[in-house]
């Protein structure tokens, strides 16, 4: 790549279940340029054109104050995808199933008048952790592990300059797999089992001033501690970083999880992510870091 970093506008974008977050990242400061940061609602059950149009509109807003320069885009996507080709493989109608078998690099590039080669795609959870490695809580560690908690469970490992999806969401845990115990779904399901109350999300659950909210989070924190202990035993990271959509609920379970890990004799630092949604934006933009930083 021959362009200097000043001539490049590197956009990082994270696709969530109902939103896209995007912004331009300054690779010299390793920060998101605040006035470019956008977060837009997307209908994950929509048709392909509706979804792609919403993403493209977000990118246009990000670039609204940029009148010149070349554009590169990094996108983090949570669902099944051939990351190299850009072909979307998820067919859940409630989670962007309208994109099934589309080449996202081509259709988005057509909307934005960009060559598909100027768009890169990675796993969104690995990109979150890439952001924390590149500019956040675990910058400086040579070997670390990231956990994202949200609608599902994401895991990623960092070693020798490379972040990769650890794919432990489906690892055996309890009576099924880890994601069944370490997600918002489990919390809402367990709260319903204890109380008989149906709640839409964690915000509504936490509004209930009863002992079952605390009990639910204690069980969740204990499960998380068991999961972390297994990772430390198997992976031997220098640090564990925890983030994701459930960061606002950390005070309900984080100390429970870390205390459980320590009670098992492990001393590996367990660190809260510090970049929030910007970790996703920085991490996805850093899909271009090798070219930009070494051009």
Protein backbone atom coordinates (compact mmCIF):
# COMPACT_ATOMS: atom_id res chain seq x y z
CA UNK A 1 0.00 0.00 0.00
CA UNK A 2 1.61 3.24 -1.09
CA UNK A 3 -0.73 5.80 0.47
CA UNK A 4 0.41 7.47 3.68
CA UNK A 5 -1.80 7.09 6.72
CA UNK A 6 -2.81 10.79 6.47
CA UNK A 7 -4.41 10.07 3.11
CA UNK A 8 -6.43 7.13 4.39
CA UNK A 9 -9.76 7.21 6.19
CA UNK A 10 -9.92 3.89 8.03
CA UNK A 11 -13.46 3.09 9.18
CA UNK A 12 -14.15 0.44 11.77
CA UNK A 13 -17.68 -0.92 12.07
CA UNK A 14 -19.31 -3.47 14.37
CA UNK A 15 -22.56 -5.24 13.52
CA UNK A 16 -24.67 -6.15 16.55
CA UNK A 17 -28.06 -7.81 16.73
CA UNK A 18 -29.95 -4.54 16.17
CA UNK A 19 -27.30 -1.89 15.61
CA UNK A 20 -24.25 -0.86 13.64
CA UNK A 21 -21.55 1.22 15.32
CA UNK A 22 -18.91 2.85 13.12
CA UNK A 23 -16.26 5.55 13.15
CA UNK A 24 -12.93 6.63 11.70
CA UNK A 25 -9.86 5.53 13.66
CA UNK A 26 -6.70 7.61 13.91
CA UNK A 27 -3.89 5.05 13.86
CA UNK A 28 -1.34 7.50 15.27
CA UNK A 29 -3.29 8.00 18.50
CA UNK A 30 -5.11 4.63 18.30
CA UNK A 31 -8.39 6.40 19.04
CA UNK A 32 -11.74 6.86 17.35
CA UNK A 33 -12.20 10.37 15.99
CA UNK A 34 -15.19 11.27 18.18
CA UNK A 35 -17.11 13.44 15.74
CA UNK A 36 -17.17 10.55 13.27
CA UNK A 37 -18.61 7.96 15.66
CA UNK A 38 -22.12 6.84 14.75
CA UNK A 39 -24.51 4.21 16.12
CA UNK A 40 -27.57 3.39 14.06
CA UNK A 41 -30.46 1.01 14.55
CA UNK A 42 -30.83 -1.80 12.00
CA UNK A 43 -33.68 -4.25 11.49
CA UNK A 44 -32.01 -7.70 11.63
CA UNK A 45 -35.19 -9.31 10.24
CA UNK A 46 -35.24 -7.04 7.20
CA UNK A 47 -34.66 -7.83 3.56
CA UNK A 48 -31.14 -7.60 2.18
CA UNK A 49 -31.64 -4.16 0.58
CA UNK A 50 -33.00 -2.71 3.83
CA UNK A 51 -30.04 -3.99 5.84
CA UNK A 52 -27.34 -2.97 3.35
CA UNK A 53 -28.94 0.47 2.89
CA UNK A 54 -28.90 1.02 6.66
CA UNK A 55 -25.23 0.05 6.87
CA UNK A 56 -24.33 2.23 3.90
CA UNK A 57 -26.19 5.21 5.38
CA UNK A 58 -24.17 4.82 8.58
CA UNK A 59 -20.90 4.82 6.65
CA UNK A 60 -21.95 7.92 4.72
CA UNK A 61 -22.67 9.73 8.01
CA UNK A 62 -19.26 8.69 9.33
CA UNK A 63 -17.64 10.18 6.25
CA UNK A 64 -19.79 13.33 6.18
CA UNK A 65 -16.97 15.57 7.44
CA UNK A 66 -14.32 14.02 5.21
CA UNK A 67 -14.02 15.64 1.80
CA UNK A 68 -10.93 13.81 0.56
CA UNK A 69 -8.77 10.77 1.10
CA UNK A 70 -8.92 7.10 0.34
CA UNK A 71 -11.32 4.87 2.25
CA UNK A 72 -10.73 1.47 3.82
CA UNK A 73 -13.40 -0.31 5.86
CA UNK A 74 -13.12 -3.05 8.46
CA UNK A 75 -16.34 -4.72 9.61
CA UNK A 76 -16.96 -7.09 12.50
CA UNK A 77 -19.90 -9.46 12.05
CA UNK A 78 -21.13 -11.90 14.72
CA UNK A 79 -22.69 -14.60 12.59
CA UNK A 80 -21.60 -17.24 10.11
CA UNK A 81 -19.50 -15.85 7.30
CA UNK A 82 -16.69 -16.70 4.93
CA UNK A 83 -14.53 -13.81 6.10
CA UNK A 84 -12.11 -13.97 3.18
CA UNK A 85 -14.68 -13.92 0.38
CA UNK A 86 -17.31 -11.93 2.27
CA UNK A 87 -20.13 -14.42 1.63
CA UNK A 88 -22.70 -14.42 4.42
CA UNK A 89 -23.68 -17.90 5.59
CA UNK A 90 -26.14 -17.23 8.41
CA UNK A 91 -29.77 -18.01 7.59
CA UNK A 92 -31.54 -17.21 10.87
CA UNK A 93 -34.42 -14.94 9.72
CA UNK A 94 -34.18 -12.93 12.96
CA UNK A 95 -30.41 -12.38 12.70
CA UNK A 96 -29.70 -10.96 9.24
CA UNK A 97 -30.93 -14.08 7.44
CA UNK A 98 -31.96 -11.82 4.55
CA UNK A 99 -28.26 -11.60 3.66
CA UNK A 100 -27.88 -15.35 3.22
CA UNK A 101 -25.33 -16.24 0.51
CA UNK A 102 -24.76 -12.59 -0.45
CA UNK A 103 -21.20 -11.36 -0.95
CA UNK A 104 -21.20 -8.51 1.57
CA UNK A 105 -17.98 -7.00 0.28
CA UNK A 106 -19.45 -6.71 -3.21
CA UNK A 107 -22.93 -5.43 -2.34
CA UNK A 108 -21.65 -2.92 0.22
CA UNK A 109 -18.85 -1.85 -2.09
CA UNK A 110 -21.40 -1.21 -4.84
CA UNK A 111 -23.46 0.99 -2.49
CA UNK A 112 -20.43 3.00 -1.41
CA UNK A 113 -18.66 3.01 -4.80
CA UNK A 114 -15.69 1.18 -3.28
CA UNK A 115 -13.72 -1.78 -4.64
CA UNK A 116 -14.50 -4.89 -2.63
CA UNK A 117 -10.76 -5.16 -1.91
CA UNK A 118 -11.10 -2.04 0.25
CA UNK A 119 -13.43 -3.86 2.64
CA UNK A 120 -12.29 -6.44 5.19
CA UNK A 121 -14.47 -8.50 7.49
CA UNK A 122 -13.68 -10.27 10.75
CA UNK A 123 -15.44 -11.92 13.65
CA UNK A 124 -16.95 -9.15 15.78
CA UNK A 125 -15.92 -10.68 19.12
CA UNK A 126 -12.34 -11.18 18.00
CA UNK A 127 -12.41 -7.57 16.74
CA UNK A 128 -13.59 -6.34 20.15
CA UNK A 129 -10.61 -8.03 21.73
CA UNK A 130 -8.32 -6.75 18.97
CA UNK A 131 -9.39 -3.23 19.99
CA UNK A 132 -8.49 -3.84 23.63
CA UNK A 133 -5.16 -5.37 22.58
CA UNK A 134 -4.41 -2.58 20.10
CA UNK A 135 -5.42 0.38 22.28
CA UNK A 136 -7.10 -0.71 25.51
CA UNK A 137 -7.00 -2.75 28.69
CA UNK A 138 -4.57 -5.46 27.56
CA UNK A 139 -2.24 -3.42 25.40
CA UNK A 140 1.30 -4.51 26.22
CA UNK A 141 0.54 -8.10 27.18
CA UNK A 142 2.17 -10.69 24.94
CA UNK A 143 -0.43 -13.39 25.50
CA UNK A 144 -3.97 -12.66 26.61
CA UNK A 145 -7.55 -13.86 26.30
CA UNK A 146 -10.79 -11.96 25.74
CA UNK A 147 -14.38 -12.78 26.70
CA UNK A 148 -17.40 -10.87 25.43
CA UNK A 149 -20.73 -11.26 27.21
CA UNK A 150 -23.98 -10.30 25.54
CA UNK A 151 -26.79 -11.96 23.63
CA UNK A 152 -24.24 -14.74 23.09
CA UNK A 153 -20.74 -15.58 24.29
CA UNK A 154 -17.62 -14.54 22.40
CA UNK A 155 -14.04 -15.62 23.03
CA UNK A 156 -10.72 -14.67 21.45
CA UNK A 157 -7.05 -15.29 22.10
CA UNK A 158 -4.01 -13.09 21.44
CA UNK A 159 -0.53 -14.49 20.96
CA UNK A 160 2.52 -13.45 18.95
CA UNK A 161 0.81 -10.43 17.44
CA UNK A 162 -2.28 -12.30 16.24
CA UNK A 163 -5.85 -12.22 17.55
CA UNK A 164 -8.02 -15.19 16.61
CA UNK A 165 -11.52 -16.34 17.41
CA UNK A 166 -11.20 -18.98 20.15
CA UNK A 167 -14.69 -20.28 19.36
CA UNK A 168 -15.29 -21.53 22.91
CA UNK A 169 -18.97 -20.54 22.95
CA UNK A 170 -19.80 -24.13 21.99
CA UNK A 171 -17.33 -25.81 24.36
CA UNK A 172 -18.84 -28.34 26.81
CA UNK A 173 -20.02 -26.69 30.01
CA UNK A 174 -22.50 -27.80 32.64
CA UNK A 175 -25.14 -29.94 31.00
CA UNK A 176 -24.71 -28.41 27.52
CA UNK A 177 -22.37 -25.70 26.15
CA UNK A 178 -20.80 -22.55 27.57
CA UNK A 179 -23.05 -20.06 25.73
CA UNK A 180 -26.12 -21.65 27.32
CA UNK A 181 -24.82 -20.51 30.73
CA UNK A 182 -22.94 -17.31 29.88
CA UNK A 183 -25.32 -15.05 27.99
CA UNK A 184 -28.20 -12.67 28.53
CA UNK A 185 -30.49 -15.49 27.48
CA UNK A 186 -29.41 -17.60 30.45
CA UNK A 187 -29.93 -14.72 32.88
CA UNK A 188 -33.46 -14.02 31.66
CA UNK A 189 -34.33 -17.71 31.60
CA UNK A 190 -32.96 -18.32 35.11
CA UNK A 191 -34.74 -15.26 36.50
CA UNK A 192 -37.99 -16.59 35.03
CA UNK A 193 -37.37 -20.00 36.60
CA UNK A 194 -36.88 -18.40 40.02
CA UNK A 195 -39.70 -15.86 39.90
CA UNK A 196 -42.16 -16.79 37.18
CA UNK A 197 -41.68 -13.29 35.77
CA UNK A 198 -41.13 -12.70 32.06
CA UNK A 199 -38.76 -9.77 31.40
CA UNK A 200 -37.65 -8.42 28.04
CA UNK A 201 -34.04 -7.62 28.89
CA UNK A 202 -31.51 -7.10 31.67
CA UNK A 203 -32.63 -3.50 32.24
CA UNK A 204 -36.13 -4.68 33.08
CA UNK A 205 -34.78 -7.56 35.15
CA UNK A 206 -32.62 -5.27 37.26
CA UNK A 207 -35.62 -3.03 38.00
CA UNK A 208 -37.07 -5.83 40.10
CA UNK A 209 -36.01 -5.13 43.68
CA UNK A 210 -36.03 -8.68 44.96
CA UNK A 211 -33.50 -11.23 46.12
CA UNK A 212 -33.83 -13.26 42.96
CA UNK A 213 -32.01 -10.65 40.87
CA UNK A 214 -29.02 -11.00 43.18
CA UNK A 215 -29.28 -14.80 43.21
CA UNK A 216 -29.44 -14.94 39.43
CA UNK A 217 -26.28 -12.85 39.07
CA UNK A 218 -24.48 -14.83 41.78
CA UNK A 219 -25.10 -18.02 39.83
CA UNK A 220 -24.04 -16.31 36.61
CA UNK A 221 -20.84 -14.98 38.20
CA UNK A 222 -20.02 -18.42 39.56
CA UNK A 223 -20.53 -19.95 36.11
CA UNK A 224 -18.28 -17.28 34.61
CA UNK A 225 -15.62 -17.96 37.22
CA UNK A 226 -15.66 -21.67 36.38
CA UNK A 227 -15.35 -20.86 32.69
CA UNK A 228 -12.45 -18.46 33.26
CA UNK A 229 -10.63 -20.96 35.46
CA UNK A 230 -10.82 -23.50 32.64
CA UNK A 231 -9.41 -20.97 30.18
CA UNK A 232 -6.53 -20.10 32.51
CA UNK A 233 -5.75 -23.79 33.00
CA UNK A 234 -5.81 -24.58 29.27
CA UNK A 235 -4.54 -21.37 27.66
CA UNK A 236 -2.13 -19.95 30.29
CA UNK A 237 -2.72 -16.30 29.32
CA UNK A 238 -0.94 -13.41 31.05
CA UNK A 239 -4.31 -11.67 31.49
CA UNK A 240 -8.04 -12.14 30.86
CA UNK A 241 -10.13 -9.23 29.52
CA UNK A 242 -13.91 -9.17 29.94
CA UNK A 243 -16.19 -6.87 27.95
CA UNK A 244 -19.16 -6.87 25.61
CA UNK A 245 -22.73 -5.66 25.75
CA UNK A 246 -23.10 -6.66 29.42
CA UNK A 247 -20.42 -4.25 30.68
CA UNK A 248 -23.09 -2.09 32.35
CA UNK A 249 -23.97 -5.09 34.55
CA UNK A 250 -20.38 -5.81 35.65
CA UNK A 251 -21.04 -4.69 39.23
CA UNK A 252 -23.54 -7.53 39.64
CA UNK A 253 -21.21 -10.39 38.73
CA UNK A 254 -17.59 -9.34 38.03
CA UNK A 255 -16.30 -9.60 41.61
CA UNK A 256 -18.17 -12.87 42.13
CA UNK A 257 -16.44 -14.34 39.08
CA UNK A 258 -12.97 -13.10 39.99
CA UNK A 259 -13.29 -14.20 43.61
CA UNK A 260 -14.33 -17.66 42.43
CA UNK A 261 -11.28 -17.87 40.16
CA UNK A 262 -8.97 -16.79 43.00
CA UNK A 263 -10.55 -19.34 45.36
CA UNK A 264 -9.39 -22.01 42.91
CA UNK A 265 -5.78 -20.84 43.28
CA UNK A 266 -5.38 -18.89 40.03
CA UNK A 267 -3.69 -15.48 40.17
CA UNK A 268 -3.97 -14.40 36.52
CA UNK A 269 -5.19 -10.76 36.29
CA UNK A 270 -8.83 -10.48 35.19
CA UNK A 271 -9.36 -7.03 33.70
CA UNK A 272 -12.47 -5.11 32.67
CA UNK A 273 -12.45 -3.80 29.11
CA UNK A 274 -12.07 -0.02 29.05
CA UNK A 275 -13.01 1.08 25.53
CA UNK A 276 -16.72 0.21 25.50
CA UNK A 277 -18.24 0.10 22.02
CA UNK A 278 -15.13 1.89 20.73
CA UNK A 279 -13.22 -1.39 21.21
CA UNK A 280 -15.26 -2.87 18.38
CA UNK A 281 -14.67 0.13 16.13
CA UNK A 282 -10.93 0.27 16.84
CA UNK A 283 -10.60 -3.49 16.52
CA UNK A 284 -12.36 -3.69 13.18
CA UNK A 285 -10.39 -0.75 11.81
CA UNK A 286 -7.19 -2.50 12.89
CA UNK A 287 -7.93 -5.23 10.35
CA UNK A 288 -5.92 -2.72 8.26
CA UNK A 289 -3.20 -2.12 10.89
CA UNK A 290 -0.39 -4.00 9.16
CA UNK A 291 -0.72 -1.96 5.96
CA UNK A 292 -1.29 1.36 7.70
CA UNK A 293 1.35 1.14 10.41
CA UNK A 294 4.03 -0.32 8.14
CA UNK A 295 3.30 1.64 4.93
